[in-house]
Amino acid sequence: MDALSFNPDNLQNIVFFLLPGLLATSLFFHQIPDRKKSDFILIILGVFLSYIFTTITQWLFTLINIITHLNTHLVDRTIYFSITRFFIAIALSILMAKFVKSKYFFKLNKIFGISYYPFGRVWNSFFNIPPNTVIKVFLVDGISYVGIVKSTSYDPNDDIQELELWWPYYYDKSTAKAILIKETETVLIEGHAIFCVEKVTKNMAKELYPKLSV
């Protein structure tokens, strides 16, 4: 260990240096689930992001030094510097995730000729919806439901996707009529049983759920 210049203090510095980047990577992919990355890719991302966060924090402390005339070099290795790096890592990972889920990210993709959803599955993109969204679900066995999306599976590493509908209706395709299932509050549908999913219009949603804000 000593021959390679690794000692407990050095290892501790390396760990603290990498933690903000690894934390930011984990938080980002928690908000934007994607296919599992190799450990090597995650480490590279962690190192790169940690370097970025450290640089930003140093710039911030330098700016504070200029404005307040304080000698920030005396505190740049203290707990305040570390806390600032972690705060920046958390804040930027949240902001990046929000940007990726926004319409602006898709507009940016179009500039570069990218028409597909770059993270996870189209399932995740389709169900990136506001609360109280009403959908129709057509099953492979011919049964159809209309209901409010309560929750969906969101892990692209899991082959089993699930969908939970709130206050469901049976939907008759032949008559285009919806019949409320009075004895049921929610229904759970497995992804492999789904033939098609449609987002209904606001007018139809208001007809079925007049008290719902859509």
Protein backbone atom coordinates (compact mmCIF):
# COMPACT_ATOMS: atom_id res chain seq x y z
CA MET A 1 0.00 0.00 0.00
CA ASP A 2 2.76 2.47 0.96
CA ALA A 3 4.68 1.60 -2.20
CA LEU A 4 1.75 2.80 -4.25
CA SER A 5 1.43 5.93 -2.07
CA PHE A 6 -1.89 4.70 -0.70
CA ASN A 7 -2.34 5.23 3.02
CA PRO A 8 -5.49 5.66 5.12
CA ASP A 9 -5.42 9.44 4.72
CA ASN A 10 -5.08 9.22 0.94
CA LEU A 11 -7.83 6.64 0.69
CA GLN A 12 -10.09 8.80 2.82
CA ASN A 13 -9.47 11.79 0.54
CA ILE A 14 -10.21 9.68 -2.55
CA VAL A 15 -13.47 8.40 -1.06
CA PHE A 16 -14.63 11.89 -0.06
CA PHE A 17 -13.66 13.19 -3.49
CA LEU A 18 -15.74 10.52 -5.27
CA LEU A 19 -18.81 10.55 -3.03
CA PRO A 20 -20.56 13.66 -4.47
CA GLY A 21 -20.25 12.35 -8.03
CA LEU A 22 -21.47 8.88 -7.12
CA LEU A 23 -24.33 10.39 -5.10
CA ALA A 24 -25.36 12.62 -8.00
CA THR A 25 -25.25 9.67 -10.42
CA SER A 26 -27.42 7.56 -8.11
CA LEU A 27 -29.94 10.37 -7.56
CA PHE A 28 -30.17 11.11 -11.28
CA PHE A 29 -30.86 7.50 -12.28
CA HIS A 30 -33.31 7.16 -9.38
CA GLN A 31 -35.36 9.96 -10.97
CA ILE A 32 -34.67 8.85 -14.54
CA PRO A 33 -34.52 5.05 -14.39
CA ASP A 34 -32.34 3.59 -17.11
CA ARG A 35 -30.81 0.28 -18.11
CA LYS A 36 -28.26 -0.87 -15.57
CA LYS A 37 -24.84 0.63 -16.25
CA SER A 38 -21.58 -1.23 -15.70
CA ASP A 39 -19.60 -0.43 -12.57
CA PHE A 40 -16.83 0.98 -14.78
CA ILE A 41 -19.20 3.50 -16.40
CA LEU A 42 -20.60 4.53 -13.01
CA ILE A 43 -17.10 5.07 -11.62
CA ILE A 44 -16.09 7.15 -14.65
CA LEU A 45 -19.25 9.26 -14.26
CA GLY A 46 -18.61 9.60 -10.54
CA VAL A 47 -15.03 10.78 -11.08
CA PHE A 48 -16.03 13.24 -13.81
CA LEU A 49 -18.94 14.69 -11.83
CA SER A 50 -16.89 14.89 -8.63
CA TYR A 51 -14.27 16.91 -10.50
CA ILE A 52 -16.99 19.22 -11.86
CA PHE A 53 -18.56 19.70 -8.42
CA THR A 54 -15.17 20.36 -6.83
CA THR A 55 -14.32 22.94 -9.50
CA ILE A 56 -17.70 24.68 -9.10
CA THR A 57 -17.26 24.76 -5.33
CA GLN A 58 -13.77 26.23 -5.67
CA TRP A 59 -15.13 28.93 -7.99
CA LEU A 60 -17.89 29.64 -5.49
CA PHE A 61 -15.44 29.96 -2.60
CA THR A 62 -13.20 32.19 -4.71
CA LEU A 63 -16.18 34.42 -5.51
CA ILE A 64 -17.06 34.60 -1.82
CA ASN A 65 -13.45 35.52 -1.10
CA ILE A 66 -13.58 38.35 -3.64
CA ILE A 67 -16.90 39.69 -2.36
CA THR A 68 -16.26 39.38 1.38
CA HIS A 69 -12.45 39.68 1.41
CA LEU A 70 -12.25 36.51 3.48
CA ASN A 71 -9.41 34.08 3.11
CA THR A 72 -11.40 31.06 1.92
CA HIS A 73 -8.19 29.07 1.49
CA LEU A 74 -8.28 28.60 5.25
CA VAL A 75 -11.66 26.89 5.10
CA ASP A 76 -11.68 25.20 1.68
CA ARG A 77 -10.66 21.90 3.25
CA THR A 78 -13.11 22.09 6.10
CA ILE A 79 -16.53 20.60 6.50
CA TYR A 80 -18.06 23.67 4.83
CA PHE A 81 -16.34 22.88 1.54
CA SER A 82 -17.54 19.27 1.68
CA ILE A 83 -21.10 20.25 2.57
CA THR A 84 -21.17 22.72 -0.31
CA ARG A 85 -19.99 20.04 -2.76
CA PHE A 86 -22.70 17.65 -1.60
CA PHE A 87 -25.35 20.37 -1.80
CA ILE A 88 -24.27 21.22 -5.37
CA ALA A 89 -24.29 17.52 -6.31
CA ILE A 90 -27.84 17.01 -5.01
CA ALA A 91 -29.17 20.25 -6.51
CA LEU A 92 -27.66 19.68 -9.96
CA SER A 93 -28.78 16.03 -10.12
CA ILE A 94 -32.37 17.11 -9.39
CA LEU A 95 -32.23 19.95 -11.92
CA MET A 96 -30.72 17.69 -14.60
CA ALA A 97 -33.42 15.07 -14.04
CA LYS A 98 -36.14 17.71 -14.33
CA PHE A 99 -34.56 18.99 -17.54
CA VAL A 100 -34.37 15.49 -19.05
CA LYS A 101 -38.06 14.94 -18.30
CA SER A 102 -39.06 18.32 -19.76
CA LYS A 103 -40.16 19.22 -23.28
CA TYR A 104 -37.00 21.28 -23.73
CA PHE A 105 -34.84 18.16 -23.61
CA PHE A 106 -36.83 16.59 -26.44
CA LYS A 107 -36.52 19.81 -28.44
CA LEU A 108 -32.77 19.71 -27.89
CA ASN A 109 -32.68 16.11 -29.09
CA LYS A 110 -34.46 17.07 -32.29
CA ILE A 111 -31.74 19.61 -33.05
CA PHE A 112 -29.26 16.73 -33.10
CA GLY A 113 -31.65 14.48 -35.05
CA ILE A 114 -32.47 12.23 -32.08
CA SER A 115 -36.10 11.10 -32.17
CA TYR A 116 -36.02 8.34 -29.55
CA TYR A 117 -36.25 8.46 -25.76
CA PRO A 118 -32.62 8.19 -24.60
CA PHE A 119 -33.28 6.76 -21.12
CA GLY A 120 -34.99 3.58 -20.01
CA ARG A 121 -38.04 2.61 -22.06
CA VAL A 122 -40.78 4.35 -24.01
CA TRP A 123 -43.04 3.04 -21.22
CA ASN A 124 -41.32 5.48 -18.85
CA SER A 125 -41.68 8.38 -21.28
CA PHE A 126 -45.36 7.60 -21.97
CA PHE A 127 -46.19 7.56 -18.27
CA ASN A 128 -44.26 10.74 -17.51
CA ILE A 129 -47.65 12.37 -16.98
CA PRO A 130 -49.28 14.88 -14.63
CA PRO A 131 -51.45 13.68 -11.72
CA ASN A 132 -55.04 12.60 -12.44
CA THR A 133 -54.33 11.53 -16.01
CA VAL A 134 -57.11 9.27 -17.34
CA ILE A 135 -56.30 6.44 -19.75
CA LYS A 136 -57.93 3.56 -21.60
CA VAL A 137 -56.28 0.16 -21.26
CA PHE A 138 -57.06 -2.57 -23.78
CA LEU A 139 -56.05 -6.06 -22.68
CA VAL A 140 -55.06 -8.99 -24.88
CA ASP A 141 -58.06 -11.00 -23.59
CA GLY A 142 -60.49 -8.35 -24.93
CA ILE A 143 -61.31 -6.67 -21.60
CA SER A 144 -60.88 -2.89 -21.54
CA TYR A 145 -60.64 -0.42 -18.67
CA VAL A 146 -60.76 3.33 -18.23
CA GLY A 147 -59.27 4.78 -15.09
CA ILE A 148 -57.04 7.32 -13.39
CA VAL A 149 -53.37 6.38 -13.38
CA LYS A 150 -52.47 5.85 -9.73
CA SER A 151 -49.02 4.29 -10.13
CA THR A 152 -46.83 2.49 -12.66
CA SER A 153 -43.70 0.38 -12.56
CA TYR A 154 -40.69 2.46 -13.43
CA ASP A 155 -37.66 0.17 -13.34
CA PRO A 156 -36.34 -0.58 -16.84
CA ASN A 157 -34.22 -3.42 -15.45
CA ASP A 158 -37.37 -5.30 -14.46
CA ASP A 159 -39.15 -7.19 -17.26
CA ILE A 160 -42.41 -7.10 -15.32
CA GLN A 161 -44.18 -3.77 -15.79
CA GLU A 162 -47.33 -3.00 -13.82
CA LEU A 163 -50.05 -0.41 -14.00
CA GLU A 164 -52.53 0.56 -11.26
CA LEU A 165 -55.79 2.33 -12.12
CA TRP A 166 -57.90 4.29 -9.65
CA TRP A 167 -61.74 4.21 -9.74
CA PRO A 168 -61.81 2.05 -12.88
CA TYR A 169 -64.56 1.65 -15.46
CA TYR A 170 -65.21 -1.25 -17.79
CA TYR A 171 -65.06 0.11 -21.31
CA ASP A 172 -67.22 -1.38 -24.05
CA LYS A 173 -65.48 -0.79 -27.38
CA SER A 174 -68.55 -1.70 -29.42
CA THR A 175 -70.77 0.94 -27.79
CA ALA A 176 -68.03 3.32 -26.56
CA LYS A 177 -69.66 3.27 -23.12
CA ALA A 178 -67.91 3.14 -19.76
CA ILE A 179 -69.46 1.30 -16.79
CA LEU A 180 -68.20 2.18 -13.33
CA ILE A 181 -66.94 -0.79 -11.30
CA LYS A 182 -68.61 0.25 -8.05
CA GLU A 183 -67.15 -2.51 -5.89
CA THR A 184 -63.56 -1.77 -6.92
CA GLU A 185 -61.35 1.15 -5.88
CA THR A 186 -58.23 0.16 -7.81
CA VAL A 187 -57.20 -2.46 -10.34
CA LEU A 188 -53.67 -3.77 -10.95
CA ILE A 189 -52.75 -4.74 -14.51
CA GLU A 190 -49.55 -6.53 -15.50
CA GLY A 191 -47.73 -5.22 -18.54
CA HIS A 192 -47.75 -8.51 -20.46
CA ALA A 193 -51.58 -8.49 -20.35
CA ILE A 194 -51.82 -5.08 -22.03
CA PHE A 195 -52.49 -4.81 -25.75
CA CYS A 196 -52.75 -1.04 -26.00
CA VAL A 197 -52.93 2.08 -23.81
CA GLU A 198 -54.55 5.38 -24.82
CA LYS A 199 -54.64 8.73 -23.05
CA VAL A 200 -58.22 9.99 -23.15
CA THR A 201 -59.26 13.54 -23.99
CA LYS A 202 -59.93 16.07 -21.25
CA ASN A 203 -63.60 16.17 -22.20
CA MET A 204 -64.03 12.43 -21.71
CA ALA A 205 -62.06 12.56 -18.47
CA LYS A 206 -64.37 15.29 -17.11
CA GLU A 207 -67.45 13.31 -18.12
CA LEU A 208 -66.27 10.24 -16.20
CA TYR A 209 -64.74 12.12 -13.27
CA PRO A 210 -66.55 15.49 -12.97
CA LYS A 211 -64.83 16.31 -9.67
CA LEU A 212 -61.40 15.57 -11.10
CA SER A 213 -59.02 18.41 -11.89
CA VAL A 214 -57.58 17.62 -15.34
